[in-house]
Amino acid sequence: MTDRDPFAEGERAARENIPTEANPYLDGSDEHALWAAGHEKVASAIEARAPEGS
């Protein structure tokens, strides 16, 4: 079994424009929360850099 990092996977998903609904982990699990947190971190940074009105 490989060591997976849900937070890093969520960050990568956000960079690849994969929506939060694609979170592969069971809703309510620690992994789901970590993936979502990683996704939100990157998605928020991307959104902050986007020009207004885009």
PDB file of N, CA and C in Angstrom:
ATOM      1  N   MET A   1       0.851  -1.190   0.000  1.00  0.00           N
ATOM      2  CA  MET A   1       0.000   0.000   0.000  1.00  0.00           C
ATOM      3  C   MET A   1       0.890   1.245   0.000  1.00  0.00           C
ATOM      4  N   THR A   2       0.544   2.211  -0.797  1.00  0.00           N
ATOM      5  CA  THR A   2       1.332   3.433  -0.877  1.00  0.00           C
ATOM      6  C   THR A   2       0.845   4.431   0.164  1.00  0.00           C
ATOM      7  N   ASP A   3       1.764   5.273   0.605  1.00  0.00           N
ATOM      8  CA  ASP A   3       1.396   6.341   1.527  1.00  0.00           C
ATOM      9  C   ASP A   3       0.829   7.490   0.715  1.00  0.00           C
ATOM     10  N   ARG A   4      -0.440   7.747   0.905  1.00  0.00           N
ATOM     11  CA  ARG A   4      -1.106   8.826   0.177  1.00  0.00           C
ATOM     12  C   ARG A   4      -1.213  10.036   1.085  1.00  0.00           C
ATOM     13  N   ASP A   5      -1.118  11.201   0.489  1.00  0.00           N
ATOM     14  CA  ASP A   5      -1.249  12.453   1.219  1.00  0.00           C
ATOM     15  C   ASP A   5      -2.479  13.182   0.696  1.00  0.00           C
ATOM     16  N   PRO A   6      -3.614  13.008   1.379  1.00  0.00           N
ATOM     17  CA  PRO A   6      -4.856  13.634   0.895  1.00  0.00           C
ATOM     18  C   PRO A   6      -4.760  15.143   0.731  1.00  0.00           C
ATOM     19  N   PHE A   7      -4.021  15.817   1.614  1.00  0.00           N
ATOM     20  CA  PHE A   7      -3.882  17.271   1.510  1.00  0.00           C
ATOM     21  C   PHE A   7      -3.184  17.635   0.202  1.00  0.00           C
ATOM     22  N   ALA A   8      -2.080  16.961  -0.091  1.00  0.00           N
ATOM     23  CA  ALA A   8      -1.335  17.220  -1.336  1.00  0.00           C
ATOM     24  C   ALA A   8      -2.169  16.846  -2.561  1.00  0.00           C
ATOM     25  N   GLU A   9      -2.950  15.780  -2.455  1.00  0.00           N
ATOM     26  CA  GLU A   9      -3.821  15.394  -3.567  1.00  0.00           C
ATOM     27  C   GLU A   9      -4.874  16.471  -3.830  1.00  0.00           C
ATOM     28  N   GLY A  10      -5.405  17.053  -2.774  1.00  0.00           N
ATOM     29  CA  GLY A  10      -6.382  18.131  -2.924  1.00  0.00           C
ATOM     30  C   GLY A  10      -5.754  19.370  -3.549  1.00  0.00           C
ATOM     31  N   GLU A  11      -4.523  19.681  -3.138  1.00  0.00           N
ATOM     32  CA  GLU A  11      -3.817  20.813  -3.742  1.00  0.00           C
ATOM     33  C   GLU A  11      -3.622  20.583  -5.239  1.00  0.00           C
ATOM     34  N   ARG A  12      -3.183  19.382  -5.594  1.00  0.00           N
ATOM     35  CA  ARG A  12      -2.960  19.060  -7.005  1.00  0.00           C
ATOM     36  C   ARG A  12      -4.262  19.138  -7.795  1.00  0.00           C
ATOM     37  N   ALA A  13      -5.340  18.640  -7.205  1.00  0.00           N
ATOM     38  CA  ALA A  13      -6.644  18.674  -7.882  1.00  0.00           C
ATOM     39  C   ALA A  13      -7.064  20.110  -8.187  1.00  0.00           C
ATOM     40  N   ALA A  14      -6.856  21.004  -7.239  1.00  0.00           N
ATOM     41  CA  ALA A  14      -7.226  22.411  -7.462  1.00  0.00           C
ATOM     42  C   ALA A  14      -6.391  23.012  -8.583  1.00  0.00           C
ATOM     43  N   ARG A  15      -5.093  22.708  -8.605  1.00  0.00           N
ATOM     44  CA  ARG A  15      -4.229  23.230  -9.675  1.00  0.00           C
ATOM     45  C   ARG A  15      -4.661  22.704 -11.040  1.00  0.00           C
ATOM     46  N   GLU A  16      -5.244  21.507 -11.059  1.00  0.00           N
ATOM     47  CA  GLU A  16      -5.702  20.895 -12.314  1.00  0.00           C
ATOM     48  C   GLU A  16      -7.166  21.215 -12.608  1.00  0.00           C
ATOM     49  N   ASN A  17      -7.740  22.170 -11.869  1.00  0.00           N
ATOM     50  CA  ASN A  17      -9.139  22.595 -12.042  1.00  0.00           C
ATOM     51  C   ASN A  17     -10.141  21.462 -11.852  1.00  0.00           C
ATOM     52  N   ILE A  18      -9.816  20.540 -10.976  1.00  0.00           N
ATOM     53  CA  ILE A  18     -10.748  19.462 -10.631  1.00  0.00           C
ATOM     54  C   ILE A  18     -11.659  20.000  -9.519  1.00  0.00           C
ATOM     55  N   PRO A  19     -12.970  19.883  -9.681  1.00  0.00           N
ATOM     56  CA  PRO A  19     -13.892  20.469  -8.694  1.00  0.00           C
ATOM     57  C   PRO A  19     -13.876  19.731  -7.354  1.00  0.00           C
ATOM     58  N   THR A  20     -14.301  20.428  -6.309  1.00  0.00           N
ATOM     59  CA  THR A  20     -14.321  19.828  -4.975  1.00  0.00           C
ATOM     60  C   THR A  20     -15.231  18.610  -4.909  1.00  0.00           C
ATOM     61  N   GLU A  21     -16.220  18.560  -5.769  1.00  0.00           N
ATOM     62  CA  GLU A  21     -17.136  17.414  -5.784  1.00  0.00           C
ATOM     63  C   GLU A  21     -16.420  16.117  -6.162  1.00  0.00           C
ATOM     64  N   ALA A  22     -15.230  16.229  -6.712  1.00  0.00           N
ATOM     65  CA  ALA A  22     -14.471  15.043  -7.135  1.00  0.00           C
ATOM     66  C   ALA A  22     -13.637  14.454  -6.001  1.00  0.00           C
ATOM     67  N   ASN A  23     -13.795  14.969  -4.796  1.00  0.00           N
ATOM     68  CA  ASN A  23     -13.057  14.440  -3.649  1.00  0.00           C
ATOM     69  C   ASN A  23     -13.293  12.926  -3.571  1.00  0.00           C
ATOM     70  N   PRO A  24     -12.204  12.140  -3.671  1.00  0.00           N
ATOM     71  CA  PRO A  24     -12.362  10.685  -3.750  1.00  0.00           C
ATOM     72  C   PRO A  24     -12.563   9.993  -2.402  1.00  0.00           C
ATOM     73  N   TYR A  25     -12.477  10.734  -1.323  1.00  0.00           N
ATOM     74  CA  TYR A  25     -12.545  10.128   0.001  1.00  0.00           C
ATOM     75  C   TYR A  25     -13.964  10.163   0.559  1.00  0.00           C
ATOM     76  N   LEU A  26     -14.240   9.247   1.455  1.00  0.00           N
ATOM     77  CA  LEU A  26     -15.553   9.115   2.077  1.00  0.00           C
ATOM     78  C   LEU A  26     -15.900  10.381   2.850  1.00  0.00           C
ATOM     79  N   ASP A  27     -17.047  10.958   2.541  1.00  0.00           N
ATOM     80  CA  ASP A  27     -17.503  12.172   3.215  1.00  0.00           C
ATOM     81  C   ASP A  27     -17.540  11.921   4.717  1.00  0.00           C
ATOM     82  N   GLY A  28     -16.955  12.839   5.468  1.00  0.00           N
ATOM     83  CA  GLY A  28     -16.919  12.715   6.914  1.00  0.00           C
ATOM     84  C   GLY A  28     -15.622  12.117   7.438  1.00  0.00           C
ATOM     85  N   SER A  29     -14.797  11.572   6.540  1.00  0.00           N
ATOM     86  CA  SER A  29     -13.532  10.977   6.975  1.00  0.00           C
ATOM     87  C   SER A  29     -12.467  12.053   7.123  1.00  0.00           C
ATOM     88  N   ASP A  30     -11.413  11.724   7.878  1.00  0.00           N
ATOM     89  CA  ASP A  30     -10.293  12.657   8.029  1.00  0.00           C
ATOM     90  C   ASP A  30      -9.655  12.945   6.681  1.00  0.00           C
ATOM     91  N   GLU A  31      -9.543  11.915   5.839  1.00  0.00           N
ATOM     92  CA  GLU A  31      -8.933  12.085   4.527  1.00  0.00           C
ATOM     93  C   GLU A  31      -9.742  13.051   3.663  1.00  0.00           C
ATOM     94  N   HIS A  32     -11.069  12.953   3.739  1.00  0.00           N
ATOM     95  CA  HIS A  32     -11.951  13.850   2.988  1.00  0.00           C
ATOM     96  C   HIS A  32     -11.703  15.291   3.413  1.00  0.00           C
ATOM     97  N   ALA A  33     -11.611  15.511   4.718  1.00  0.00           N
ATOM     98  CA  ALA A  33     -11.377  16.859   5.237  1.00  0.00           C
ATOM     99  C   ALA A  33     -10.005  17.381   4.810  1.00  0.00           C
ATOM    100  N   LEU A  34      -8.979  16.537   4.854  1.00  0.00           N
ATOM    101  CA  LEU A  34      -7.642  16.952   4.444  1.00  0.00           C
ATOM    102  C   LEU A  34      -7.607  17.298   2.957  1.00  0.00           C
ATOM    103  N   TRP A  35      -8.234  16.469   2.132  1.00  0.00           N
ATOM    104  CA  TRP A  35      -8.274  16.721   0.679  1.00  0.00           C
ATOM    105  C   TRP A  35      -8.965  18.058   0.428  1.00  0.00           C
ATOM    106  N   ALA A  36     -10.094  18.282   1.091  1.00  0.00           N
ATOM    107  CA  ALA A  36     -10.849  19.523   0.913  1.00  0.00           C
ATOM    108  C   ALA A  36     -10.030  20.731   1.360  1.00  0.00           C
ATOM    109  N   ALA A  37      -9.291  20.592   2.455  1.00  0.00           N
ATOM    110  CA  ALA A  37      -8.471  21.701   2.947  1.00  0.00           C
ATOM    111  C   ALA A  37      -7.355  22.031   1.960  1.00  0.00           C
ATOM    112  N   GLY A  38      -6.723  21.022   1.405  1.00  0.00           N
ATOM    113  CA  GLY A  38      -5.684  21.253   0.405  1.00  0.00           C
ATOM    114  C   GLY A  38      -6.247  21.911  -0.836  1.00  0.00           C
ATOM    115  N   HIS A  39      -7.405  21.443  -1.268  1.00  0.00           N
ATOM    116  CA  HIS A  39      -8.064  22.019  -2.445  1.00  0.00           C
ATOM    117  C   HIS A  39      -8.401  23.480  -2.195  1.00  0.00           C
ATOM    118  N   GLU A  40      -8.966  23.774  -1.047  1.00  0.00           N
ATOM    119  CA  GLU A  40      -9.371  25.148  -0.715  1.00  0.00           C
ATOM    120  C   GLU A  40      -8.168  26.071  -0.640  1.00  0.00           C
ATOM    121  N   LYS A  41      -7.068  25.595  -0.082  1.00  0.00           N
ATOM    122  CA  LYS A  41      -5.854  26.417   0.026  1.00  0.00           C
ATOM    123  C   LYS A  41      -5.405  26.894  -1.353  1.00  0.00           C
ATOM    124  N   VAL A  42      -5.308  25.981  -2.298  1.00  0.00           N
ATOM    125  CA  VAL A  42      -4.840  26.327  -3.638  1.00  0.00           C
ATOM    126  C   VAL A  42      -5.907  27.090  -4.406  1.00  0.00           C
ATOM    127  N   ALA A  43      -7.153  26.656  -4.328  1.00  0.00           N
ATOM    128  CA  ALA A  43      -8.228  27.334  -5.061  1.00  0.00           C
ATOM    129  C   ALA A  43      -8.372  28.783  -4.601  1.00  0.00           C
ATOM    130  N   SER A  44      -8.228  29.037  -3.314  1.00  0.00           N
ATOM    131  CA  SER A  44      -8.321  30.406  -2.794  1.00  0.00           C
ATOM    132  C   SER A  44      -7.178  31.259  -3.313  1.00  0.00           C
ATOM    133  N   ALA A  45      -5.978  30.695  -3.361  1.00  0.00           N
ATOM    134  CA  ALA A  45      -4.821  31.439  -3.864  1.00  0.00           C
ATOM    135  C   ALA A  45      -4.992  31.754  -5.347  1.00  0.00           C
ATOM    136  N   ILE A  46      -5.495  30.792  -6.100  1.00  0.00           N
ATOM    137  CA  ILE A  46      -5.724  31.010  -7.539  1.00  0.00           C
ATOM    138  C   ILE A  46      -6.774  32.095  -7.738  1.00  0.00           C
ATOM    139  N   GLU A  47      -7.847  32.020  -6.981  1.00  0.00           N
ATOM    140  CA  GLU A  47      -8.933  33.003  -7.092  1.00  0.00           C
ATOM    141  C   GLU A  47      -8.447  34.391  -6.724  1.00  0.00           C
ATOM    142  N   ALA A  48      -7.594  34.486  -5.718  1.00  0.00           N
ATOM    143  CA  ALA A  48      -7.079  35.788  -5.285  1.00  0.00           C
ATOM    144  C   ALA A  48      -6.231  36.448  -6.361  1.00  0.00           C
ATOM    145  N   ARG A  49      -5.578  35.643  -7.191  1.00  0.00           N
ATOM    146  CA  ARG A  49      -4.722  36.179  -8.257  1.00  0.00           C
ATOM    147  C   ARG A  49      -5.497  36.484  -9.528  1.00  0.00           C
ATOM    148  N   ALA A  50      -6.725  35.962  -9.641  1.00  0.00           N
ATOM    149  CA  ALA A  50      -7.516  36.158 -10.868  1.00  0.00           C
ATOM    150  C   ALA A  50      -7.947  37.613 -10.999  1.00  0.00           C
ATOM    151  N   PRO A  51      -7.909  38.141 -12.214  1.00  0.00           N
ATOM    152  CA  PRO A  51      -8.379  39.519 -12.419  1.00  0.00           C
ATOM    153  C   PRO A  51      -9.870  39.637 -12.110  1.00  0.00           C
ATOM    154  N   GLU A  52     -10.266  40.779 -11.636  1.00  0.00           N
ATOM    155  CA  GLU A  52     -11.671  41.042 -11.304  1.00  0.00           C
ATOM    156  C   GLU A  52     -12.552  40.861 -12.539  1.00  0.00           C
ATOM    157  N   GLY A  53     -13.680  40.184 -12.356  1.00  0.00           N
ATOM    158  CA  GLY A  53     -14.627  39.995 -13.449  1.00  0.00           C
ATOM    159  C   GLY A  53     -14.342  38.801 -14.332  1.00  0.00           C
ATOM    160  N   SER A  54     -13.400  37.956 -13.923  1.00  0.00           N
ATOM    161  CA  SER A  54     -13.127  36.771 -14.752  1.00  0.00           C
ATOM    162  C   SER A  54     -13.621  35.517 -14.099  1.00  0.00           C
TER     163      SER A  54
END
